[in-house]
Amino acid sequence: MTKNDRSKIIKSIYIGLSANILLTLLKLGFGIWGGAQSLVSDGINSLSDIFMSLLIFFVLKVSTKKPDKDHPYGHQKFEGLAYFTMGIIFSITAIYLGYTAITSMIDYAILDDIIDKPNILTLYISIIALIIKIFLAYFYFKLNKKYKNPTLKAEYKNHFYDIFSTGLTVLVLTLSQVNLIIFDYIGSLIISFFILRLAVQIIKEASSFLVDQAPSQEEIKNVEGFIKSIDGVLTIDDLRIRKHMTERYVDVEIGVLESLSLKEAHDIAEVVHQSVEKKYKEVIHCMVHVNPHK
């Protein structure tokens, strides 16, 4: 990632952070004032988004540092660690919202006659929030498509699912205006499931970044077929590819004629090394070991 790219990404995060601060104040303020449980739940979701954006600022500052003595492979995995932390934050948020929604439904069943419907202004606020979320989801989708950055991907996914949760808030608050107040709490519970689903996806993907998981078999076979096509390569005795965030490390053992000189064998290995890194832009380094074959 170039310095200019990093600067553009940070500016985009400022936009998301500012929008989330505004949405949090609107949702929590009007949700508490207007007695809308689903809008409060959506507001807590936006509050967790603020923590996520602040975490991204820290990560971008650390992960883009150049390799040093203690981190010869770079600092990109700090980004994976932050990605994992986001998943944990969302999990805790989802569990809290689910618990609150269930207890509110129990209270409603007991105190049905004395619970007022949410104020009409809460519906208008949820509609405004929905429009803002649609814009943010599209904005981060285009940005992630350009930079293919894990944290931007997390931001896009988050705003995309927020469209559904905020859209659901609009629906249940509309129903609440015709005295179907129970749907306000049901909506809050469903929103918690949306957030939990997103949390599980983020944790799963972040784990693959942190434990050097292999890419898909299709990607491995593609690299294997390319190496086999290089002149002088008789066999591929071993091929291992591991993820390093959005990039890759390739370790391959190739078989060459045993009658070749050391220099000739080395030249073939060098061709494999350079060809793989040139063809696959996501490959940071290709390590080649040579085995003699008849």
C-alpha atoms as a PDB file:
ATOM      1  CA  MET A   1       0.000   0.000   0.000  1.00  0.00           C
ATOM      2  CA  THR A   2       1.468   3.358  -1.056  1.00  0.00           C
ATOM      3  CA  LYS A   3       1.491   6.410   1.175  1.00  0.00           C
ATOM      4  CA  ASN A   4      -1.077   8.072  -1.097  1.00  0.00           C
ATOM      5  CA  ASP A   5      -3.392   5.031  -0.930  1.00  0.00           C
ATOM      6  CA  ARG A   6      -3.105   4.953   2.857  1.00  0.00           C
ATOM      7  CA  SER A   7      -3.970   8.674   3.003  1.00  0.00           C
ATOM      8  CA  LYS A   8      -7.099   8.140   0.869  1.00  0.00           C
ATOM      9  CA  ILE A   9      -8.220   5.198   3.001  1.00  0.00           C
ATOM     10  CA  ILE A  10      -7.775   7.227   6.207  1.00  0.00           C
ATOM     11  CA  LYS A  11      -9.842  10.075   4.725  1.00  0.00           C
ATOM     12  CA  SER A  12     -12.587   7.594   3.856  1.00  0.00           C
ATOM     13  CA  ILE A  13     -12.567   6.274   7.426  1.00  0.00           C
ATOM     14  CA  TYR A  14     -12.989   9.874   8.663  1.00  0.00           C
ATOM     15  CA  ILE A  15     -16.144  10.106   6.560  1.00  0.00           C
ATOM     16  CA  GLY A  16     -17.500   6.856   8.029  1.00  0.00           C
ATOM     17  CA  LEU A  17     -16.547   7.882  11.563  1.00  0.00           C
ATOM     18  CA  SER A  18     -18.268  11.262  11.250  1.00  0.00           C
ATOM     19  CA  ALA A  19     -21.400   9.633   9.833  1.00  0.00           C
ATOM     20  CA  ASN A  20     -21.474   7.006  12.590  1.00  0.00           C
ATOM     21  CA  ILE A  21     -21.104   9.639  15.326  1.00  0.00           C
ATOM     22  CA  LEU A  22     -24.041  11.553  13.833  1.00  0.00           C
ATOM     23  CA  LEU A  23     -26.152   8.383  13.486  1.00  0.00           C
ATOM     24  CA  THR A  24     -25.352   7.244  17.027  1.00  0.00           C
ATOM     25  CA  LEU A  25     -26.436  10.582  18.519  1.00  0.00           C
ATOM     26  CA  LEU A  26     -29.628  10.644  16.451  1.00  0.00           C
ATOM     27  CA  LYS A  27     -30.612   7.010  17.059  1.00  0.00           C
ATOM     28  CA  LEU A  28     -29.823   6.865  20.768  1.00  0.00           C
ATOM     29  CA  GLY A  29     -31.127  10.359  21.492  1.00  0.00           C
ATOM     30  CA  PHE A  30     -34.435  10.028  19.666  1.00  0.00           C
ATOM     31  CA  GLY A  31     -34.741   6.307  20.454  1.00  0.00           C
ATOM     32  CA  ILE A  32     -34.555   6.882  24.228  1.00  0.00           C
ATOM     33  CA  TRP A  33     -36.666  10.046  24.076  1.00  0.00           C
ATOM     34  CA  GLY A  34     -39.290   8.523  21.799  1.00  0.00           C
ATOM     35  CA  GLY A  35     -39.437   5.103  23.454  1.00  0.00           C
ATOM     36  CA  ALA A  36     -38.279   3.122  20.399  1.00  0.00           C
ATOM     37  CA  GLN A  37     -36.393  -0.037  21.473  1.00  0.00           C
ATOM     38  CA  SER A  38     -35.428  -1.015  17.918  1.00  0.00           C
ATOM     39  CA  LEU A  39     -33.975   2.455  17.228  1.00  0.00           C
ATOM     40  CA  VAL A  40     -31.966   2.297  20.466  1.00  0.00           C
ATOM     41  CA  SER A  41     -30.626  -1.124  19.404  1.00  0.00           C
ATOM     42  CA  ASP A  42     -29.681   0.298  16.019  1.00  0.00           C
ATOM     43  CA  GLY A  43     -27.998   3.196  17.849  1.00  0.00           C
ATOM     44  CA  ILE A  44     -25.891   0.818  19.949  1.00  0.00           C
ATOM     45  CA  ASN A  45     -24.911  -0.907  16.715  1.00  0.00           C
ATOM     46  CA  SER A  46     -23.752   2.474  15.349  1.00  0.00           C
ATOM     47  CA  LEU A  47     -21.858   3.083  18.618  1.00  0.00           C
ATOM     48  CA  SER A  48     -19.900  -0.144  18.027  1.00  0.00           C
ATOM     49  CA  ASP A  49     -19.174   1.150  14.506  1.00  0.00           C
ATOM     50  CA  ILE A  50     -17.439   4.162  16.054  1.00  0.00           C
ATOM     51  CA  PHE A  51     -15.106   1.908  18.036  1.00  0.00           C
ATOM     52  CA  MET A  52     -14.445  -0.043  14.845  1.00  0.00           C
ATOM     53  CA  SER A  53     -13.471   3.084  12.909  1.00  0.00           C
ATOM     54  CA  LEU A  54     -11.136   4.227  15.714  1.00  0.00           C
ATOM     55  CA  LEU A  55      -9.542   0.779  15.732  1.00  0.00           C
ATOM     56  CA  ILE A  56      -8.977   0.997  11.975  1.00  0.00           C
ATOM     57  CA  PHE A  57      -7.095   4.291  12.409  1.00  0.00           C
ATOM     58  CA  PHE A  58      -4.703   2.635  14.832  1.00  0.00           C
ATOM     59  CA  VAL A  59      -4.268  -0.450  12.650  1.00  0.00           C
ATOM     60  CA  LEU A  60      -3.549   1.467   9.459  1.00  0.00           C
ATOM     61  CA  LYS A  61      -0.830   3.377  11.278  1.00  0.00           C
ATOM     62  CA  VAL A  62       0.830   0.162  12.527  1.00  0.00           C
ATOM     63  CA  SER A  63       0.205  -2.278   9.657  1.00  0.00           C
ATOM     64  CA  THR A  64       1.713  -0.032   6.975  1.00  0.00           C
ATOM     65  CA  LYS A  65       5.084   0.217   8.755  1.00  0.00           C
ATOM     66  CA  LYS A  66       8.037  -1.189   6.853  1.00  0.00           C
ATOM     67  CA  PRO A  67       9.553  -4.554   7.921  1.00  0.00           C
ATOM     68  CA  ASP A  68      12.047  -4.277  10.772  1.00  0.00           C
ATOM     69  CA  LYS A  69      14.332  -6.550  12.787  1.00  0.00           C
ATOM     70  CA  ASP A  70      11.519  -7.868  14.999  1.00  0.00           C
ATOM     71  CA  HIS A  71       8.984  -8.086  12.153  1.00  0.00           C
ATOM     72  CA  PRO A  72      10.922  -9.118   8.997  1.00  0.00           C
ATOM     73  CA  TYR A  73       7.678 -10.065   7.206  1.00  0.00           C
ATOM     74  CA  GLY A  74       6.068  -6.680   7.886  1.00  0.00           C
ATOM     75  CA  HIS A  75       3.241  -5.615  10.195  1.00  0.00           C
ATOM     76  CA  GLN A  76       0.208  -6.522   8.075  1.00  0.00           C
ATOM     77  CA  LYS A  77      -1.038  -9.129  10.534  1.00  0.00           C
ATOM     78  CA  PHE A  78      -1.866  -6.388  13.030  1.00  0.00           C
ATOM     79  CA  GLU A  79      -4.670  -5.685  10.576  1.00  0.00           C
ATOM     80  CA  GLY A  80      -5.868  -9.268  10.939  1.00  0.00           C
ATOM     81  CA  LEU A  81      -5.739  -8.911  14.728  1.00  0.00           C
ATOM     82  CA  ALA A  82      -7.867  -5.753  14.520  1.00  0.00           C
ATOM     83  CA  TYR A  83     -10.271  -7.517  12.169  1.00  0.00           C
ATOM     84  CA  PHE A  84     -10.650 -10.288  14.747  1.00  0.00           C
ATOM     85  CA  THR A  85     -11.221  -7.732  17.537  1.00  0.00           C
ATOM     86  CA  MET A  86     -14.009  -6.154  15.470  1.00  0.00           C
ATOM     87  CA  GLY A  87     -15.735  -9.532  15.348  1.00  0.00           C
ATOM     88  CA  ILE A  88     -15.533  -9.852  19.136  1.00  0.00           C
ATOM     89  CA  ILE A  89     -16.964  -6.336  19.618  1.00  0.00           C
ATOM     90  CA  PHE A  90     -19.881  -7.128  17.317  1.00  0.00           C
ATOM     91  CA  SER A  91     -20.515 -10.441  19.125  1.00  0.00           C
ATOM     92  CA  ILE A  92     -20.769  -8.721  22.512  1.00  0.00           C
ATOM     93  CA  THR A  93     -23.037  -6.031  21.010  1.00  0.00           C
ATOM     94  CA  ALA A  94     -25.331  -8.666  19.462  1.00  0.00           C
ATOM     95  CA  ILE A  95     -25.643 -10.647  22.703  1.00  0.00           C
ATOM     96  CA  TYR A  96     -26.468  -7.495  24.688  1.00  0.00           C
ATOM     97  CA  LEU A  97     -29.100  -6.354  22.188  1.00  0.00           C
ATOM     98  CA  GLY A  98     -30.668  -9.815  22.034  1.00  0.00           C
ATOM     99  CA  TYR A  99     -30.902 -10.005  25.822  1.00  0.00           C
ATOM    100  CA  THR A 100     -32.453  -6.519  26.040  1.00  0.00           C
ATOM    101  CA  ALA A 101     -34.998  -7.332  23.335  1.00  0.00           C
ATOM    102  CA  ILE A 102     -36.113 -10.556  25.045  1.00  0.00           C
ATOM    103  CA  THR A 103     -36.530  -8.886  28.441  1.00  0.00           C
ATOM    104  CA  SER A 104     -38.497  -6.056  26.788  1.00  0.00           C
ATOM    105  CA  MET A 105     -40.826  -8.590  25.140  1.00  0.00           C
ATOM    106  CA  ILE A 106     -41.441 -10.213  28.531  1.00  0.00           C
ATOM    107  CA  ASP A 107     -42.210  -6.823  30.095  1.00  0.00           C
ATOM    108  CA  TYR A 108     -44.562  -6.032  27.213  1.00  0.00           C
ATOM    109  CA  ALA A 109     -46.481  -9.269  27.781  1.00  0.00           C
ATOM    110  CA  ILE A 110     -46.978  -8.289  31.430  1.00  0.00           C
ATOM    111  CA  LEU A 111     -47.521  -4.529  31.035  1.00  0.00           C
ATOM    112  CA  ASP A 112     -49.299  -4.433  27.667  1.00  0.00           C
ATOM    113  CA  ASP A 113     -51.886  -1.813  28.609  1.00  0.00           C
ATOM    114  CA  ILE A 114     -49.480   0.799  29.957  1.00  0.00           C
ATOM    115  CA  ILE A 115     -46.764   0.765  27.277  1.00  0.00           C
ATOM    116  CA  ASP A 116     -46.969   3.698  24.828  1.00  0.00           C
ATOM    117  CA  LYS A 117     -46.163   3.416  21.144  1.00  0.00           C
ATOM    118  CA  PRO A 118     -42.888   5.063  19.953  1.00  0.00           C
ATOM    119  CA  ASN A 119     -43.034   8.735  18.999  1.00  0.00           C
ATOM    120  CA  ILE A 120     -43.587   9.356  15.267  1.00  0.00           C
ATOM    121  CA  LEU A 121     -40.286  11.283  15.071  1.00  0.00           C
ATOM    122  CA  THR A 122     -38.385   8.029  15.716  1.00  0.00           C
ATOM    123  CA  LEU A 123     -39.747   6.712  12.413  1.00  0.00           C
ATOM    124  CA  TYR A 124     -38.508   9.791  10.523  1.00  0.00           C
ATOM    125  CA  ILE A 125     -35.068   9.482  12.122  1.00  0.00           C
ATOM    126  CA  SER A 126     -34.834   5.801  11.121  1.00  0.00           C
ATOM    127  CA  ILE A 127     -35.665   6.727   7.499  1.00  0.00           C
ATOM    128  CA  ILE A 128     -32.889   9.360   7.470  1.00  0.00           C
ATOM    129  CA  ALA A 129     -30.476   6.794   8.966  1.00  0.00           C
ATOM    130  CA  LEU A 130     -31.400   4.291   6.254  1.00  0.00           C
ATOM    131  CA  ILE A 131     -30.594   6.771   3.475  1.00  0.00           C
ATOM    132  CA  ILE A 132     -27.190   7.542   5.050  1.00  0.00           C
ATOM    133  CA  LYS A 133     -26.400   3.815   5.441  1.00  0.00           C
ATOM    134  CA  ILE A 134     -27.182   3.109   1.771  1.00  0.00           C
ATOM    135  CA  PHE A 135     -24.745   5.855   0.769  1.00  0.00           C
ATOM    136  CA  LEU A 136     -22.007   4.553   3.119  1.00  0.00           C
ATOM    137  CA  ALA A 137     -22.386   0.956   1.937  1.00  0.00           C
ATOM    138  CA  TYR A 138     -21.992   2.014  -1.705  1.00  0.00           C
ATOM    139  CA  PHE A 139     -19.084   4.320  -0.848  1.00  0.00           C
ATOM    140  CA  TYR A 140     -17.092   1.582   0.950  1.00  0.00           C
ATOM    141  CA  PHE A 141     -18.023  -1.034  -1.678  1.00  0.00           C
ATOM    142  CA  LYS A 142     -16.359   1.072  -4.403  1.00  0.00           C
ATOM    143  CA  LEU A 143     -13.404   1.822  -2.149  1.00  0.00           C
ATOM    144  CA  ASN A 144     -12.812  -1.835  -1.224  1.00  0.00           C
ATOM    145  CA  LYS A 145     -13.125  -2.841  -4.885  1.00  0.00           C
ATOM    146  CA  LYS A 146     -10.262  -0.449  -5.659  1.00  0.00           C
ATOM    147  CA  TYR A 147      -7.900  -1.155  -2.738  1.00  0.00           C
ATOM    148  CA  LYS A 148      -8.934  -4.720  -1.689  1.00  0.00           C
ATOM    149  CA  ASN A 149      -8.196  -3.971   1.956  1.00  0.00           C
ATOM    150  CA  PRO A 150      -9.524  -6.261   4.774  1.00  0.00           C
ATOM    151  CA  THR A 151     -10.544  -3.420   7.075  1.00  0.00           C
ATOM    152  CA  LEU A 152     -12.339  -1.623   4.239  1.00  0.00           C
ATOM    153  CA  LYS A 153     -14.056  -4.905   3.454  1.00  0.00           C
ATOM    154  CA  ALA A 154     -15.189  -5.130   7.076  1.00  0.00           C
ATOM    155  CA  GLU A 155     -16.519  -1.555   6.884  1.00  0.00           C
ATOM    156  CA  TYR A 156     -18.410  -2.333   3.665  1.00  0.00           C
ATOM    157  CA  LYS A 157     -19.918  -5.534   5.099  1.00  0.00           C
ATOM    158  CA  ASN A 158     -20.898  -3.717   8.264  1.00  0.00           C
ATOM    159  CA  HIS A 159     -22.688  -0.886   6.442  1.00  0.00           C
ATOM    160  CA  PHE A 160     -24.293  -3.356   4.017  1.00  0.00           C
ATOM    161  CA  TYR A 161     -25.851  -5.373   6.839  1.00  0.00           C
ATOM    162  CA  ASP A 162     -26.784  -2.132   8.579  1.00  0.00           C
ATOM    163  CA  ILE A 163     -29.045  -1.396   5.605  1.00  0.00           C
ATOM    164  CA  PHE A 164     -31.096  -4.452   6.524  1.00  0.00           C
ATOM    165  CA  SER A 165     -31.101  -3.709  10.249  1.00  0.00           C
ATOM    166  CA  THR A 166     -31.995  -0.028   9.791  1.00  0.00           C
ATOM    167  CA  GLY A 167     -34.554  -0.954   7.126  1.00  0.00           C
ATOM    168  CA  LEU A 168     -36.057  -3.372   9.607  1.00  0.00           C
ATOM    169  CA  THR A 169     -36.192  -0.551  12.181  1.00  0.00           C
ATOM    170  CA  VAL A 170     -38.161   1.562   9.695  1.00  0.00           C
ATOM    171  CA  LEU A 171     -40.604  -1.322   9.182  1.00  0.00           C
ATOM    172  CA  VAL A 172     -41.206  -2.141  12.853  1.00  0.00           C
ATOM    173  CA  LEU A 173     -41.559   1.521  13.832  1.00  0.00           C
ATOM    174  CA  THR A 174     -44.145   1.894  11.069  1.00  0.00           C
ATOM    175  CA  LEU A 175     -46.047  -1.079  12.527  1.00  0.00           C
ATOM    176  CA  SER A 176     -45.685   0.406  16.013  1.00  0.00           C
ATOM    177  CA  GLN A 177     -47.524   3.521  14.879  1.00  0.00           C
ATOM    178  CA  VAL A 178     -50.643   1.363  14.439  1.00  0.00           C
ATOM    179  CA  ASN A 179     -50.214   0.016  17.997  1.00  0.00           C
ATOM    180  CA  LEU A 180     -48.356  -3.170  16.986  1.00  0.00           C
ATOM    181  CA  ILE A 181     -45.710  -2.263  19.580  1.00  0.00           C
ATOM    182  CA  ILE A 182     -44.496  -5.845  20.042  1.00  0.00           C
ATOM    183  CA  PHE A 183     -42.852  -5.599  16.604  1.00  0.00           C
ATOM    184  CA  ASP A 184     -40.522  -2.920  17.967  1.00  0.00           C
ATOM    185  CA  TYR A 185     -38.993  -5.505  20.303  1.00  0.00           C
ATOM    186  CA  ILE A 186     -39.095  -8.274  17.701  1.00  0.00           C
ATOM    187  CA  GLY A 187     -37.229  -5.955  15.321  1.00  0.00           C
ATOM    188  CA  SER A 188     -34.602  -5.295  17.977  1.00  0.00           C
ATOM    189  CA  LEU A 189     -34.108  -9.052  18.424  1.00  0.00           C
ATOM    190  CA  ILE A 190     -33.763  -9.628  14.675  1.00  0.00           C
ATOM    191  CA  ILE A 191     -31.199  -6.799  14.448  1.00  0.00           C
ATOM    192  CA  SER A 192     -29.124  -8.583  17.113  1.00  0.00           C
ATOM    193  CA  PHE A 193     -29.095 -11.697  14.892  1.00  0.00           C
ATOM    194  CA  PHE A 194     -27.934  -9.616  11.917  1.00  0.00           C
ATOM    195  CA  ILE A 195     -25.022  -8.274  13.973  1.00  0.00           C
ATOM    196  CA  LEU A 196     -24.154 -11.722  15.342  1.00  0.00           C
ATOM    197  CA  ARG A 197     -24.083 -13.183  11.836  1.00  0.00           C
ATOM    198  CA  LEU A 198     -21.710 -10.438  10.710  1.00  0.00           C
ATOM    199  CA  ALA A 199     -19.527 -11.032  13.798  1.00  0.00           C
ATOM    200  CA  VAL A 200     -19.180 -14.753  13.044  1.00  0.00           C
ATOM    201  CA  GLN A 201     -18.194 -14.030   9.428  1.00  0.00           C
ATOM    202  CA  ILE A 202     -15.565 -11.477  10.484  1.00  0.00           C
ATOM    203  CA  ILE A 203     -14.068 -13.750  13.164  1.00  0.00           C
ATOM    204  CA  LYS A 204     -13.919 -16.666  10.721  1.00  0.00           C
ATOM    205  CA  GLU A 205     -12.184 -14.629   8.015  1.00  0.00           C
ATOM    206  CA  ALA A 206      -9.832 -12.914  10.484  1.00  0.00           C
ATOM    207  CA  SER A 207      -8.782 -16.304  11.864  1.00  0.00           C
ATOM    208  CA  SER A 208      -7.785 -17.439   8.369  1.00  0.00           C
ATOM    209  CA  PHE A 209      -5.495 -14.391   8.108  1.00  0.00           C
ATOM    210  CA  LEU A 210      -3.871 -15.007  11.497  1.00  0.00           C
ATOM    211  CA  VAL A 211      -3.170 -18.763  11.184  1.00  0.00           C
ATOM    212  CA  ASP A 212      -1.607 -18.735   7.681  1.00  0.00           C
ATOM    213  CA  GLN A 213      -4.519 -20.605   6.133  1.00  0.00           C
ATOM    214  CA  ALA A 214      -4.086 -21.861   2.575  1.00  0.00           C
ATOM    215  CA  PRO A 215      -6.122 -20.209  -0.197  1.00  0.00           C
ATOM    216  CA  SER A 216      -8.708 -22.131  -2.218  1.00  0.00           C
ATOM    217  CA  GLN A 217      -7.777 -25.353  -4.021  1.00  0.00           C
ATOM    218  CA  GLU A 218      -8.616 -23.634  -7.291  1.00  0.00           C
ATOM    219  CA  GLU A 219      -5.994 -20.952  -6.628  1.00  0.00           C
ATOM    220  CA  ILE A 220      -3.378 -23.547  -5.630  1.00  0.00           C
ATOM    221  CA  LYS A 221      -4.028 -25.647  -8.759  1.00  0.00           C
ATOM    222  CA  ASN A 222      -3.761 -22.536 -10.905  1.00  0.00           C
ATOM    223  CA  VAL A 223      -0.301 -21.731  -9.505  1.00  0.00           C
ATOM    224  CA  GLU A 224       0.732 -25.402  -9.778  1.00  0.00           C
ATOM    225  CA  GLY A 225      -0.276 -25.563 -13.455  1.00  0.00           C
ATOM    226  CA  PHE A 226       1.633 -22.370 -14.211  1.00  0.00           C
ATOM    227  CA  ILE A 227       4.847 -23.615 -12.576  1.00  0.00           C
ATOM    228  CA  LYS A 228       4.610 -26.944 -14.439  1.00  0.00           C
ATOM    229  CA  SER A 229       4.449 -25.046 -17.730  1.00  0.00           C
ATOM    230  CA  ILE A 230       7.851 -23.400 -17.151  1.00  0.00           C
ATOM    231  CA  ASP A 231      10.699 -24.882 -19.213  1.00  0.00           C
ATOM    232  CA  GLY A 232      13.012 -27.152 -17.234  1.00  0.00           C
ATOM    233  CA  VAL A 233      10.488 -28.062 -14.521  1.00  0.00           C
ATOM    234  CA  LEU A 234       9.948 -31.836 -14.626  1.00  0.00           C
ATOM    235  CA  THR A 235       7.855 -32.247 -11.478  1.00  0.00           C
ATOM    236  CA  ILE A 236       6.404 -30.352  -8.559  1.00  0.00           C
ATOM    237  CA  ASP A 237       7.356 -32.362  -5.465  1.00  0.00           C
ATOM    238  CA  ASP A 238       5.711 -30.003  -2.980  1.00  0.00           C
ATOM    239  CA  LEU A 239       3.719 -26.764  -3.167  1.00  0.00           C
ATOM    240  CA  ARG A 240       2.528 -24.714  -0.223  1.00  0.00           C
ATOM    241  CA  ILE A 241       0.751 -21.378  -0.386  1.00  0.00           C
ATOM    242  CA  ARG A 242      -0.274 -19.413   2.686  1.00  0.00           C
ATOM    243  CA  LYS A 243      -2.288 -16.267   3.157  1.00  0.00           C
ATOM    244  CA  HIS A 244      -0.624 -13.151   4.504  1.00  0.00           C
ATOM    245  CA  MET A 245      -3.739 -10.962   4.804  1.00  0.00           C
ATOM    246  CA  THR A 246      -4.667 -10.199   1.165  1.00  0.00           C
ATOM    247  CA  GLU A 247      -1.232 -11.309  -0.071  1.00  0.00           C
ATOM    248  CA  ARG A 248       0.414 -14.723  -0.494  1.00  0.00           C
ATOM    249  CA  TYR A 249       3.660 -16.579   0.228  1.00  0.00           C
ATOM    250  CA  VAL A 250       4.562 -19.499  -2.065  1.00  0.00           C
ATOM    251  CA  ASP A 251       6.980 -22.325  -1.156  1.00  0.00           C
ATOM    252  CA  VAL A 252       7.599 -24.854  -3.924  1.00  0.00           C
ATOM    253  CA  GLU A 253       9.943 -27.813  -4.511  1.00  0.00           C
ATOM    254  CA  ILE A 254      10.560 -28.484  -8.192  1.00  0.00           C
ATOM    255  CA  GLY A 255      12.247 -31.465  -9.864  1.00  0.00           C
ATOM    256  CA  VAL A 256      14.857 -30.833 -12.584  1.00  0.00           C
ATOM    257  CA  LEU A 257      17.196 -33.121 -14.529  1.00  0.00           C
ATOM    258  CA  GLU A 258      19.939 -34.428 -12.253  1.00  0.00           C
ATOM    259  CA  SER A 259      22.455 -34.075 -15.082  1.00  0.00           C
ATOM    260  CA  LEU A 260      22.158 -30.277 -15.026  1.00  0.00           C
ATOM    261  CA  SER A 261      24.935 -28.175 -13.547  1.00  0.00           C
ATOM    262  CA  LEU A 262      24.323 -26.260 -10.308  1.00  0.00           C
ATOM    263  CA  LYS A 263      24.092 -23.003 -12.286  1.00  0.00           C
ATOM    264  CA  GLU A 264      21.588 -24.436 -14.779  1.00  0.00           C
ATOM    265  CA  ALA A 265      19.395 -25.768 -11.973  1.00  0.00           C
ATOM    266  CA  HIS A 266      19.650 -22.430 -10.181  1.00  0.00           C
ATOM    267  CA  ASP A 267      18.667 -20.554 -13.359  1.00  0.00           C
ATOM    268  CA  ILE A 268      15.478 -22.633 -13.687  1.00  0.00           C
ATOM    269  CA  ALA A 269      14.641 -21.984 -10.037  1.00  0.00           C
ATOM    270  CA  GLU A 270      15.202 -18.259 -10.569  1.00  0.00           C
ATOM    271  CA  VAL A 271      12.872 -18.262 -13.582  1.00  0.00           C
ATOM    272  CA  VAL A 272      10.176 -19.963 -11.476  1.00  0.00           C
ATOM    273  CA  HIS A 273      10.739 -17.463  -8.656  1.00  0.00           C
ATOM    274  CA  GLN A 274      10.463 -14.378 -10.856  1.00  0.00           C
ATOM    275  CA  SER A 275       7.680 -15.717 -13.102  1.00  0.00           C
ATOM    276  CA  VAL A 276       5.363 -16.555 -10.205  1.00  0.00           C
ATOM    277  CA  GLU A 277       5.860 -13.142  -8.554  1.00  0.00           C
ATOM    278  CA  LYS A 278       5.333 -11.374 -11.893  1.00  0.00           C
ATOM    279  CA  LYS A 279       2.169 -13.270 -12.880  1.00  0.00           C
ATOM    280  CA  TYR A 280       0.481 -13.253  -9.467  1.00  0.00           C
ATOM    281  CA  LYS A 281       0.618  -9.710  -8.091  1.00  0.00           C
ATOM    282  CA  GLU A 282      -0.664 -10.846  -4.671  1.00  0.00           C
ATOM    283  CA  VAL A 283       2.403 -13.098  -4.173  1.00  0.00           C
ATOM    284  CA  ILE A 284       4.925 -11.296  -1.946  1.00  0.00           C
ATOM    285  CA  HIS A 285       7.644 -13.926  -2.258  1.00  0.00           C
ATOM    286  CA  CYS A 286       8.121 -17.283  -3.996  1.00  0.00           C
ATOM    287  CA  MET A 287      10.688 -19.585  -2.389  1.00  0.00           C
ATOM    288  CA  VAL A 288      11.963 -22.334  -4.735  1.00  0.00           C
ATOM    289  CA  HIS A 289      13.826 -25.510  -3.723  1.00  0.00           C
ATOM    290  CA  VAL A 290      15.346 -27.756  -6.393  1.00  0.00           C
ATOM    291  CA  ASN A 291      15.383 -31.591  -6.336  1.00  0.00           C
ATOM    292  CA  PRO A 292      17.370 -33.722  -8.825  1.00  0.00           C
ATOM    293  CA  HIS A 293      15.330 -36.183 -10.969  1.00  0.00           C
ATOM    294  CA  LYS A 294      16.254 -38.703 -13.631  1.00  0.00           C
END
